[in-house]
Amino acid sequence: APGKRQYVDLSKYEGAEGGRRAIQAPDAAAHPPGRYRCASSWVNCRELPDTSSPIIGRFVQEQELSLVAVKVFGTAVRGLAERGGWVSIIASGGKILFERQGDLDLKALQGRYRVVAAAGALVFSSLGITAGAARVKAGEEFCAGELAHGQDGDQAGALLGKRVDPGAASGEWVVLFSPSQGVVS
């Protein structure tokens, strides 16, 4: 209407900045990635590590999840779940919400993935190659039959899945998680 101003909150659509801050946060050396069990009655899973970001799920006591990255945010320690979403492992006040159960179970992570990164997921013809040759397109689904940790070059610290279904990059290694990009697939 004439003489009226309308303000639009674009922060919901500018989430990439929050994602970049999360990736740049320091790693929690005392809490490495792995399998964690919920030690609280329930813990919210959020879109970003910020406790004001939207809740996308909830974990209940004794439920286990796999965390591919664990970062320090002020006094809180938060982990990134293998399928996306952040949980507090140690709350800002010091309460322990998740307890580490062991390393990632790569067999348990086999299954169907969807590429969520806008730029797609890098593909490597074999483990140890220093640069990805192609990409699986954003939104494409694929099956990972074998998982491995990347060691060198673009693969250092990454979690990769060997594509076993037909399609682009069948039989090659697709990035599922990268320390520099977060969850990719």
N, C-alpha and C. Protein backbone atom coordinates (compact mmCIF):
# COMPACT_ATOMS: atom_id res chain seq x y z
N ALA A 1 0.84 -1.18 0.00
CA ALA A 1 0.00 0.00 0.00
C ALA A 1 0.88 1.24 0.00
N PRO A 2 0.43 2.33 -0.60
CA PRO A 2 1.22 3.56 -0.64
C PRO A 2 1.53 4.04 0.78
N GLY A 3 2.77 4.46 0.98
CA GLY A 3 3.20 4.98 2.27
C GLY A 3 3.55 3.91 3.29
N LYS A 4 3.39 2.66 2.96
CA LYS A 4 3.71 1.56 3.88
C LYS A 4 4.97 0.86 3.40
N ARG A 5 5.75 0.36 4.33
CA ARG A 5 6.94 -0.41 3.98
C ARG A 5 6.78 -1.82 4.50
N GLN A 6 7.26 -2.72 3.72
CA GLN A 6 7.23 -4.12 4.13
C GLN A 6 8.66 -4.62 4.19
N TYR A 7 9.00 -5.30 5.27
CA TYR A 7 10.34 -5.82 5.44
C TYR A 7 10.30 -7.34 5.30
N VAL A 8 11.30 -7.86 4.64
CA VAL A 8 11.37 -9.28 4.40
C VAL A 8 12.63 -9.81 5.07
N ASP A 9 12.50 -10.87 5.86
CA ASP A 9 13.64 -11.51 6.50
C ASP A 9 14.21 -12.56 5.55
N LEU A 10 15.36 -12.24 4.96
CA LEU A 10 15.98 -13.15 3.99
C LEU A 10 16.93 -14.15 4.64
N SER A 11 17.09 -14.09 5.96
CA SER A 11 18.07 -14.96 6.61
C SER A 11 17.79 -16.44 6.35
N LYS A 12 16.53 -16.80 6.20
CA LYS A 12 16.18 -18.20 5.92
C LYS A 12 16.79 -18.66 4.60
N TYR A 13 16.86 -17.75 3.64
CA TYR A 13 17.35 -18.09 2.31
C TYR A 13 18.85 -17.86 2.16
N GLU A 14 19.46 -17.27 3.16
CA GLU A 14 20.89 -16.99 3.11
C GLU A 14 21.63 -17.91 4.07
N GLY A 15 21.21 -19.15 4.16
CA GLY A 15 21.78 -20.12 5.09
C GLY A 15 23.19 -20.54 4.77
N ALA A 16 23.68 -20.26 3.58
CA ALA A 16 25.03 -20.68 3.19
C ALA A 16 26.07 -20.07 4.12
N GLU A 17 25.85 -18.85 4.59
CA GLU A 17 26.82 -18.20 5.48
C GLU A 17 26.93 -18.98 6.79
N GLY A 18 25.80 -19.42 7.35
CA GLY A 18 25.82 -20.22 8.58
C GLY A 18 26.54 -21.54 8.37
N GLY A 19 26.37 -22.14 7.20
CA GLY A 19 27.05 -23.39 6.88
C GLY A 19 28.55 -23.20 6.78
N ARG A 20 28.97 -22.07 6.19
CA ARG A 20 30.42 -21.79 6.09
C ARG A 20 31.03 -21.60 7.47
N ARG A 21 30.32 -20.87 8.35
CA ARG A 21 30.83 -20.67 9.71
C ARG A 21 30.97 -22.00 10.44
N ALA A 22 30.02 -22.91 10.24
CA ALA A 22 30.06 -24.21 10.90
C ALA A 22 31.28 -25.01 10.45
N ILE A 23 31.56 -25.01 9.16
CA ILE A 23 32.70 -25.76 8.63
C ILE A 23 34.01 -25.17 9.13
N GLN A 24 34.06 -23.85 9.32
CA GLN A 24 35.29 -23.18 9.75
C GLN A 24 35.51 -23.25 11.25
N ALA A 25 34.51 -23.67 12.02
CA ALA A 25 34.65 -23.78 13.47
C ALA A 25 35.73 -24.81 13.80
N PRO A 26 36.41 -24.63 14.95
CA PRO A 26 37.47 -25.59 15.30
C PRO A 26 36.92 -26.98 15.62
N ASP A 27 37.69 -28.00 15.25
CA ASP A 27 37.33 -29.38 15.56
C ASP A 27 37.42 -29.60 17.07
N ALA A 28 36.59 -30.49 17.60
CA ALA A 28 36.61 -30.85 19.01
C ALA A 28 37.53 -32.06 19.16
N ALA A 29 38.78 -31.82 19.52
CA ALA A 29 39.79 -32.89 19.58
C ALA A 29 39.40 -34.00 20.56
N ALA A 30 38.73 -33.66 21.65
CA ALA A 30 38.35 -34.65 22.65
C ALA A 30 37.12 -35.46 22.24
N HIS A 31 36.47 -35.05 21.16
CA HIS A 31 35.25 -35.72 20.69
C HIS A 31 35.35 -35.96 19.19
N PRO A 32 36.08 -36.99 18.77
CA PRO A 32 36.24 -37.24 17.34
C PRO A 32 34.95 -37.75 16.70
N PRO A 33 34.84 -37.64 15.38
CA PRO A 33 33.67 -38.20 14.69
C PRO A 33 33.53 -39.69 15.01
N GLY A 34 32.31 -40.17 14.96
CA GLY A 34 32.05 -41.58 15.24
C GLY A 34 30.60 -41.82 15.57
N ARG A 35 30.34 -42.94 16.25
CA ARG A 35 28.98 -43.29 16.68
C ARG A 35 28.76 -42.72 18.08
N TYR A 36 27.63 -42.06 18.28
CA TYR A 36 27.28 -41.45 19.56
C TYR A 36 25.89 -41.92 19.98
N ARG A 37 25.71 -42.07 21.31
CA ARG A 37 24.43 -42.49 21.89
C ARG A 37 23.86 -41.34 22.70
N CYS A 38 22.56 -41.09 22.54
CA CYS A 38 21.88 -40.02 23.25
C CYS A 38 21.81 -40.36 24.74
N ALA A 39 22.33 -39.47 25.60
CA ALA A 39 22.36 -39.69 27.04
C ALA A 39 21.32 -38.85 27.77
N SER A 40 20.52 -38.11 27.03
CA SER A 40 19.49 -37.25 27.60
C SER A 40 18.12 -37.79 27.22
N SER A 41 17.07 -37.30 27.84
CA SER A 41 15.71 -37.74 27.50
C SER A 41 15.43 -37.53 26.02
N TRP A 42 15.84 -36.37 25.50
CA TRP A 42 15.71 -36.06 24.08
C TRP A 42 16.64 -34.90 23.74
N VAL A 43 17.05 -34.85 22.49
CA VAL A 43 17.91 -33.77 21.99
C VAL A 43 17.41 -33.40 20.60
N ASN A 44 17.25 -32.11 20.37
CA ASN A 44 16.82 -31.64 19.05
C ASN A 44 17.95 -31.73 18.04
N CYS A 45 17.59 -31.99 16.81
CA CYS A 45 18.52 -31.96 15.68
C CYS A 45 18.14 -30.73 14.87
N ARG A 46 19.11 -29.85 14.62
CA ARG A 46 18.82 -28.57 13.96
C ARG A 46 19.48 -28.48 12.59
N GLU A 47 18.93 -27.62 11.77
CA GLU A 47 19.44 -27.41 10.41
C GLU A 47 20.88 -26.92 10.41
N LEU A 48 21.20 -26.01 11.34
CA LEU A 48 22.55 -25.44 11.50
C LEU A 48 22.96 -25.59 12.95
N PRO A 49 24.25 -25.37 13.29
CA PRO A 49 24.67 -25.50 14.68
C PRO A 49 24.10 -24.43 15.61
N ASP A 50 23.60 -23.35 15.06
CA ASP A 50 22.99 -22.27 15.84
C ASP A 50 21.70 -22.79 16.47
N THR A 51 21.55 -22.60 17.78
CA THR A 51 20.37 -23.13 18.48
C THR A 51 19.09 -22.40 18.12
N SER A 52 19.17 -21.33 17.35
CA SER A 52 17.94 -20.66 16.89
C SER A 52 17.54 -21.14 15.49
N SER A 53 18.33 -22.02 14.88
CA SER A 53 17.98 -22.53 13.54
C SER A 53 16.83 -23.53 13.66
N PRO A 54 16.12 -23.79 12.56
CA PRO A 54 14.96 -24.68 12.61
C PRO A 54 15.30 -26.10 13.07
N ILE A 55 14.38 -26.66 13.85
CA ILE A 55 14.50 -28.05 14.31
C ILE A 55 14.05 -28.95 13.17
N ILE A 56 14.89 -29.94 12.82
CA ILE A 56 14.55 -30.84 11.72
C ILE A 56 14.33 -32.28 12.20
N GLY A 57 14.55 -32.51 13.48
CA GLY A 57 14.35 -33.85 14.03
C GLY A 57 14.63 -33.88 15.51
N ARG A 58 14.48 -35.05 16.11
CA ARG A 58 14.73 -35.20 17.54
C ARG A 58 15.25 -36.61 17.81
N PHE A 59 16.26 -36.70 18.67
CA PHE A 59 16.79 -37.99 19.09
C PHE A 59 16.38 -38.22 20.54
N VAL A 60 16.05 -39.46 20.86
CA VAL A 60 15.62 -39.79 22.22
C VAL A 60 16.69 -40.66 22.89
N GLN A 61 16.57 -40.78 24.21
CA GLN A 61 17.55 -41.50 25.01
C GLN A 61 17.82 -42.90 24.46
N GLU A 62 19.10 -43.26 24.44
CA GLU A 62 19.62 -44.55 23.96
C GLU A 62 19.70 -44.66 22.44
N GLN A 63 19.15 -43.71 21.70
CA GLN A 63 19.22 -43.75 20.24
C GLN A 63 20.64 -43.41 19.81
N GLU A 64 21.15 -44.13 18.80
CA GLU A 64 22.50 -43.89 18.29
C GLU A 64 22.45 -43.19 16.95
N LEU A 65 23.49 -42.39 16.69
CA LEU A 65 23.65 -41.77 15.39
C LEU A 65 25.12 -41.65 15.06
N SER A 66 25.41 -41.47 13.79
CA SER A 66 26.79 -41.32 13.32
C SER A 66 27.05 -39.85 13.04
N LEU A 67 28.13 -39.34 13.63
CA LEU A 67 28.53 -37.94 13.42
C LEU A 67 29.80 -37.91 12.58
N VAL A 68 29.77 -37.16 11.48
CA VAL A 68 30.91 -37.10 10.58
C VAL A 68 31.84 -35.93 10.89
N ALA A 69 31.38 -34.97 11.68
CA ALA A 69 32.21 -33.85 12.10
C ALA A 69 31.74 -33.42 13.48
N VAL A 70 32.69 -33.04 14.34
CA VAL A 70 32.37 -32.53 15.67
C VAL A 70 33.16 -31.25 15.86
N LYS A 71 32.45 -30.16 16.17
CA LYS A 71 33.05 -28.83 16.24
C LYS A 71 32.74 -28.16 17.57
N VAL A 72 33.58 -27.17 17.92
CA VAL A 72 33.40 -26.39 19.14
C VAL A 72 32.79 -25.04 18.76
N PHE A 73 31.69 -24.68 19.44
CA PHE A 73 31.03 -23.40 19.25
C PHE A 73 30.90 -22.74 20.61
N GLY A 74 31.84 -21.85 20.94
CA GLY A 74 31.85 -21.23 22.27
C GLY A 74 32.14 -22.30 23.31
N THR A 75 31.18 -22.52 24.22
CA THR A 75 31.36 -23.56 25.25
C THR A 75 30.65 -24.85 24.87
N ALA A 76 29.91 -24.85 23.78
CA ALA A 76 29.18 -26.04 23.34
C ALA A 76 29.99 -26.85 22.34
N VAL A 77 29.73 -28.16 22.31
CA VAL A 77 30.33 -29.06 21.33
C VAL A 77 29.17 -29.64 20.53
N ARG A 78 29.22 -29.46 19.20
CA ARG A 78 28.12 -29.91 18.35
C ARG A 78 28.64 -30.82 17.24
N GLY A 79 27.80 -31.79 16.85
CA GLY A 79 28.18 -32.75 15.82
C GLY A 79 27.24 -32.71 14.64
N LEU A 80 27.80 -32.96 13.45
CA LEU A 80 27.05 -33.00 12.20
C LEU A 80 26.72 -34.45 11.88
N ALA A 81 25.43 -34.78 11.82
CA ALA A 81 24.98 -36.15 11.51
C ALA A 81 25.29 -36.49 10.07
N GLU A 82 25.50 -37.78 9.80
CA GLU A 82 25.91 -38.20 8.45
C GLU A 82 24.87 -37.89 7.39
N ARG A 83 23.62 -37.74 7.74
CA ARG A 83 22.56 -37.41 6.77
C ARG A 83 22.13 -35.95 6.90
N GLY A 84 22.93 -35.14 7.60
CA GLY A 84 22.62 -33.72 7.77
C GLY A 84 21.98 -33.45 9.12
N GLY A 85 22.08 -32.23 9.57
CA GLY A 85 21.53 -31.82 10.86
C GLY A 85 22.60 -31.83 11.94
N TRP A 86 22.48 -30.88 12.86
CA TRP A 86 23.44 -30.71 13.95
C TRP A 86 22.80 -31.02 15.29
N VAL A 87 23.54 -31.70 16.17
CA VAL A 87 23.10 -31.98 17.53
C VAL A 87 24.17 -31.48 18.50
N SER A 88 23.73 -31.07 19.69
CA SER A 88 24.68 -30.70 20.74
C SER A 88 25.13 -31.96 21.44
N ILE A 89 26.44 -32.16 21.50
CA ILE A 89 27.01 -33.30 22.24
C ILE A 89 27.18 -32.88 23.69
N ILE A 90 27.71 -31.68 23.86
CA ILE A 90 27.82 -31.05 25.18
C ILE A 90 27.14 -29.69 25.05
N ALA A 91 26.13 -29.45 25.88
CA ALA A 91 25.39 -28.19 25.83
C ALA A 91 26.26 -27.03 26.31
N SER A 92 25.84 -25.82 26.03
CA SER A 92 26.58 -24.62 26.43
C SER A 92 26.83 -24.58 27.93
N GLY A 93 25.91 -25.12 28.72
CA GLY A 93 26.06 -25.14 30.17
C GLY A 93 26.92 -26.28 30.68
N GLY A 94 27.40 -27.17 29.80
CA GLY A 94 28.28 -28.26 30.20
C GLY A 94 27.61 -29.62 30.32
N LYS A 95 26.28 -29.69 30.16
CA LYS A 95 25.59 -30.98 30.27
C LYS A 95 25.95 -31.88 29.10
N ILE A 96 26.29 -33.14 29.40
CA ILE A 96 26.63 -34.12 28.37
C ILE A 96 25.32 -34.69 27.81
N LEU A 97 25.12 -34.51 26.50
CA LEU A 97 23.89 -34.96 25.85
C LEU A 97 24.09 -36.23 25.02
N PHE A 98 25.31 -36.44 24.51
CA PHE A 98 25.63 -37.63 23.73
C PHE A 98 26.95 -38.19 24.22
N GLU A 99 27.06 -39.53 24.26
CA GLU A 99 28.30 -40.20 24.65
C GLU A 99 28.83 -40.98 23.46
N ARG A 100 30.14 -40.91 23.26
CA ARG A 100 30.77 -41.60 22.13
C ARG A 100 30.76 -43.11 22.37
N GLN A 101 30.37 -43.86 21.34
CA GLN A 101 30.30 -45.32 21.42
C GLN A 101 31.42 -45.99 20.63
N GLY A 102 32.05 -45.27 19.71
CA GLY A 102 33.11 -45.85 18.90
C GLY A 102 33.25 -45.14 17.57
N ASP A 103 34.10 -45.70 16.73
CA ASP A 103 34.34 -45.12 15.41
C ASP A 103 33.11 -45.31 14.52
N LEU A 104 33.11 -44.60 13.40
CA LEU A 104 32.03 -44.75 12.42
C LEU A 104 31.97 -46.20 11.95
N ASP A 105 30.78 -46.75 11.86
CA ASP A 105 30.56 -48.09 11.32
C ASP A 105 30.26 -47.92 9.84
N LEU A 106 31.29 -48.10 9.00
CA LEU A 106 31.13 -47.85 7.57
C LEU A 106 30.12 -48.79 6.92
N LYS A 107 29.98 -50.01 7.43
CA LYS A 107 28.98 -50.94 6.88
C LYS A 107 27.57 -50.42 7.13
N ALA A 108 27.34 -49.86 8.31
CA ALA A 108 26.01 -49.35 8.66
C ALA A 108 25.64 -48.13 7.82
N LEU A 109 26.63 -47.45 7.26
CA LEU A 109 26.37 -46.25 6.46
C LEU A 109 26.12 -46.56 4.99
N GLN A 110 26.24 -47.82 4.60
CA GLN A 110 25.94 -48.19 3.21
C GLN A 110 24.46 -47.97 2.95
N GLY A 111 24.14 -47.55 1.74
CA GLY A 111 22.73 -47.36 1.41
C GLY A 111 22.52 -46.27 0.38
N ARG A 112 21.33 -45.72 0.39
CA ARG A 112 20.90 -44.76 -0.62
C ARG A 112 21.23 -43.34 -0.15
N TYR A 113 21.77 -42.55 -1.06
CA TYR A 113 22.12 -41.16 -0.79
C TYR A 113 21.55 -40.26 -1.88
N ARG A 114 21.34 -38.99 -1.53
CA ARG A 114 20.92 -37.96 -2.50
C ARG A 114 21.93 -36.82 -2.39
N VAL A 115 22.41 -36.35 -3.53
CA VAL A 115 23.37 -35.24 -3.54
C VAL A 115 22.63 -33.97 -3.15
N VAL A 116 23.08 -33.31 -2.07
CA VAL A 116 22.42 -32.10 -1.58
C VAL A 116 23.21 -30.84 -1.87
N ALA A 117 24.49 -30.96 -2.18
CA ALA A 117 25.31 -29.78 -2.50
C ALA A 117 24.89 -29.23 -3.86
N ALA A 118 24.68 -27.92 -3.92
CA ALA A 118 24.24 -27.28 -5.16
C ALA A 118 25.20 -27.54 -6.32
N ALA A 119 26.49 -27.62 -6.03
CA ALA A 119 27.50 -27.84 -7.07
C ALA A 119 27.64 -29.31 -7.45
N GLY A 120 26.92 -30.19 -6.76
CA GLY A 120 27.05 -31.62 -7.02
C GLY A 120 28.12 -32.24 -6.14
N ALA A 121 28.34 -33.53 -6.31
CA ALA A 121 29.32 -34.27 -5.51
C ALA A 121 30.48 -34.71 -6.39
N LEU A 122 31.69 -34.44 -5.92
CA LEU A 122 32.89 -34.86 -6.66
C LEU A 122 32.95 -36.38 -6.76
N VAL A 123 33.50 -36.85 -7.88
CA VAL A 123 33.65 -38.27 -8.15
C VAL A 123 35.12 -38.57 -8.39
N PHE A 124 35.61 -39.66 -7.80
CA PHE A 124 36.99 -40.10 -7.98
C PHE A 124 36.98 -41.51 -8.55
N SER A 125 37.84 -41.77 -9.52
CA SER A 125 37.88 -43.10 -10.13
C SER A 125 38.43 -44.14 -9.16
N SER A 126 39.27 -43.71 -8.22
CA SER A 126 39.78 -44.62 -7.20
C SER A 126 40.20 -43.80 -5.98
N LEU A 127 40.34 -44.49 -4.85
CA LEU A 127 40.81 -43.82 -3.64
C LEU A 127 42.26 -43.42 -3.83
N GLY A 128 42.64 -42.29 -3.28
CA GLY A 128 44.02 -41.84 -3.39
C GLY A 128 44.28 -40.90 -4.54
N ILE A 129 43.35 -40.76 -5.47
CA ILE A 129 43.50 -39.79 -6.57
C ILE A 129 43.43 -38.40 -5.95
N THR A 130 44.25 -37.48 -6.41
CA THR A 130 44.32 -36.17 -5.77
C THR A 130 43.25 -35.18 -6.21
N ALA A 131 42.60 -35.37 -7.35
CA ALA A 131 41.57 -34.44 -7.79
C ALA A 131 40.42 -35.20 -8.45
N GLY A 132 39.21 -34.76 -8.13
CA GLY A 132 38.02 -35.39 -8.72
C GLY A 132 37.88 -35.03 -10.18
N ALA A 133 37.42 -35.98 -10.97
CA ALA A 133 37.32 -35.79 -12.42
C ALA A 133 35.94 -35.34 -12.86
N ALA A 134 34.91 -35.71 -12.13
CA ALA A 134 33.53 -35.42 -12.55
C ALA A 134 32.70 -35.13 -11.32
N ARG A 135 31.40 -34.93 -11.54
CA ARG A 135 30.47 -34.69 -10.44
C ARG A 135 29.16 -35.43 -10.69
N VAL A 136 28.53 -35.86 -9.59
CA VAL A 136 27.16 -36.35 -9.65
C VAL A 136 26.30 -35.12 -9.39
N LYS A 137 25.27 -34.92 -10.21
CA LYS A 137 24.45 -33.70 -10.16
C LYS A 137 23.66 -33.59 -8.85
N ALA A 138 23.42 -32.34 -8.44
CA ALA A 138 22.60 -32.06 -7.27
C ALA A 138 21.22 -32.67 -7.45
N GLY A 139 20.70 -33.29 -6.40
CA GLY A 139 19.38 -33.91 -6.43
C GLY A 139 19.37 -35.35 -6.90
N GLU A 140 20.46 -35.81 -7.50
CA GLU A 140 20.51 -37.20 -7.99
C GLU A 140 20.68 -38.16 -6.83
N GLU A 141 19.98 -39.28 -6.89
CA GLU A 141 20.09 -40.33 -5.87
C GLU A 141 20.96 -41.46 -6.39
N PHE A 142 21.67 -42.11 -5.47
CA PHE A 142 22.53 -43.24 -5.85
C PHE A 142 22.71 -44.15 -4.64
N CYS A 143 23.18 -45.37 -4.89
CA CYS A 143 23.46 -46.34 -3.83
C CYS A 143 24.96 -46.45 -3.62
N ALA A 144 25.38 -46.37 -2.36
CA ALA A 144 26.78 -46.55 -2.00
C ALA A 144 26.90 -47.92 -1.34
N GLY A 145 27.66 -48.83 -1.98
CA GLY A 145 27.79 -50.19 -1.48
C GLY A 145 29.00 -50.40 -0.60
N GLU A 146 29.95 -49.50 -0.65
CA GLU A 146 31.17 -49.60 0.14
C GLU A 146 31.54 -48.18 0.52
N LEU A 147 31.97 -47.95 1.75
CA LEU A 147 32.38 -46.62 2.19
C LEU A 147 33.82 -46.65 2.64
N ALA A 148 34.49 -45.51 2.52
CA ALA A 148 35.90 -45.40 2.92
C ALA A 148 36.20 -43.96 3.31
N HIS A 149 37.25 -43.81 4.11
CA HIS A 149 37.74 -42.49 4.48
C HIS A 149 38.79 -42.06 3.47
N GLY A 150 38.69 -40.83 3.00
CA GLY A 150 39.71 -40.29 2.10
C GLY A 150 40.96 -39.92 2.87
N GLN A 151 42.11 -40.01 2.23
CA GLN A 151 43.37 -39.76 2.91
C GLN A 151 44.17 -38.58 2.34
N ASP A 152 44.15 -38.39 1.03
CA ASP A 152 45.04 -37.42 0.39
C ASP A 152 44.28 -36.41 -0.46
N GLY A 153 44.94 -35.27 -0.73
CA GLY A 153 44.42 -34.28 -1.67
C GLY A 153 43.01 -33.85 -1.35
N ASP A 154 42.14 -33.82 -2.37
CA ASP A 154 40.74 -33.44 -2.19
C ASP A 154 39.97 -34.43 -1.31
N GLN A 155 40.53 -35.62 -1.11
CA GLN A 155 39.85 -36.66 -0.34
C GLN A 155 40.20 -36.63 1.15
N ALA A 156 41.20 -35.86 1.55
CA ALA A 156 41.67 -35.86 2.94
C ALA A 156 40.53 -35.55 3.90
N GLY A 157 40.25 -36.46 4.83
CA GLY A 157 39.20 -36.28 5.82
C GLY A 157 37.79 -36.50 5.32
N ALA A 158 37.64 -36.81 4.05
CA ALA A 158 36.30 -36.98 3.46
C ALA A 158 35.78 -38.40 3.70
N LEU A 159 34.48 -38.55 3.58
CA LEU A 159 33.82 -39.85 3.60
C LEU A 159 33.30 -40.07 2.19
N LEU A 160 33.71 -41.20 1.58
CA LEU A 160 33.33 -41.49 0.20
C LEU A 160 32.56 -42.80 0.12
N GLY A 161 31.65 -42.86 -0.85
CA GLY A 161 30.87 -44.07 -1.08
C GLY A 161 31.06 -44.54 -2.51
N LYS A 162 31.27 -45.85 -2.68
CA LYS A 162 31.43 -46.41 -4.02
C LYS A 162 30.06 -46.68 -4.61
N ARG A 163 29.76 -46.02 -5.73
CA ARG A 163 28.44 -46.15 -6.36
C ARG A 163 28.28 -47.53 -6.97
N VAL A 164 27.18 -48.23 -6.59
CA VAL A 164 26.96 -49.59 -7.07
C VAL A 164 25.75 -49.72 -8.00
N ASP A 165 24.98 -48.66 -8.14
CA ASP A 165 23.82 -48.73 -9.04
C ASP A 165 24.19 -48.13 -10.39
N PRO A 166 23.37 -48.38 -11.43
CA PRO A 166 23.68 -47.81 -12.75
C PRO A 166 23.53 -46.29 -12.73
N GLY A 167 24.24 -45.64 -13.59
CA GLY A 167 24.15 -44.19 -13.69
C GLY A 167 25.52 -43.58 -13.82
N ALA A 168 25.56 -42.25 -13.91
CA ALA A 168 26.84 -41.55 -14.00
C ALA A 168 27.70 -41.93 -12.81
N ALA A 169 28.94 -42.23 -13.04
CA ALA A 169 29.93 -42.56 -12.00
C ALA A 169 29.70 -43.92 -11.36
N SER A 170 29.01 -44.83 -12.01
CA SER A 170 28.81 -46.16 -11.47
C SER A 170 30.16 -46.85 -11.30
N GLY A 171 30.39 -47.42 -10.11
CA GLY A 171 31.66 -48.09 -9.82
C GLY A 171 32.75 -47.14 -9.35
N GLU A 172 32.44 -45.85 -9.25
CA GLU A 172 33.44 -44.87 -8.81
C GLU A 172 33.07 -44.34 -7.42
N TRP A 173 33.99 -43.61 -6.82
CA TRP A 173 33.85 -43.12 -5.46
C TRP A 173 33.24 -41.71 -5.47
N VAL A 174 32.11 -41.55 -4.77
CA VAL A 174 31.40 -40.27 -4.70
C VAL A 174 31.58 -39.70 -3.30
N VAL A 175 31.86 -38.40 -3.19
CA VAL A 175 32.03 -37.75 -1.89
C VAL A 175 30.67 -37.64 -1.20
N LEU A 176 30.60 -38.15 0.04
CA LEU A 176 29.39 -38.04 0.85
C LEU A 176 29.52 -36.89 1.84
N PHE A 177 30.72 -36.74 2.40
CA PHE A 177 31.03 -35.67 3.35
C PHE A 177 32.44 -35.19 3.09
N SER A 178 32.63 -33.88 3.16
CA SER A 178 33.95 -33.29 2.99
C SER A 178 34.16 -32.26 4.10
N PRO A 179 35.34 -32.24 4.75
CA PRO A 179 35.59 -31.24 5.79
C PRO A 179 35.44 -29.80 5.29
N SER A 180 35.70 -29.58 4.02
CA SER A 180 35.61 -28.21 3.48
C SER A 180 34.20 -27.84 3.02
N GLN A 181 33.32 -28.83 2.79
CA GLN A 181 31.97 -28.55 2.29
C GLN A 181 30.86 -29.03 3.21
N GLY A 182 31.16 -29.90 4.15
CA GLY A 182 30.12 -30.48 4.99
C GLY A 182 29.48 -31.66 4.29
N VAL A 183 28.20 -31.91 4.60
CA VAL A 183 27.48 -33.02 3.98
C VAL A 183 27.22 -32.67 2.52
N VAL A 184 27.67 -33.53 1.63
CA VAL A 184 27.52 -33.33 0.18
C VAL A 184 26.40 -34.21 -0.35
N SER A 185 26.33 -35.45 0.13
CA SER A 185 25.31 -36.41 -0.33
C SER A 185 24.59 -37.00 0.86
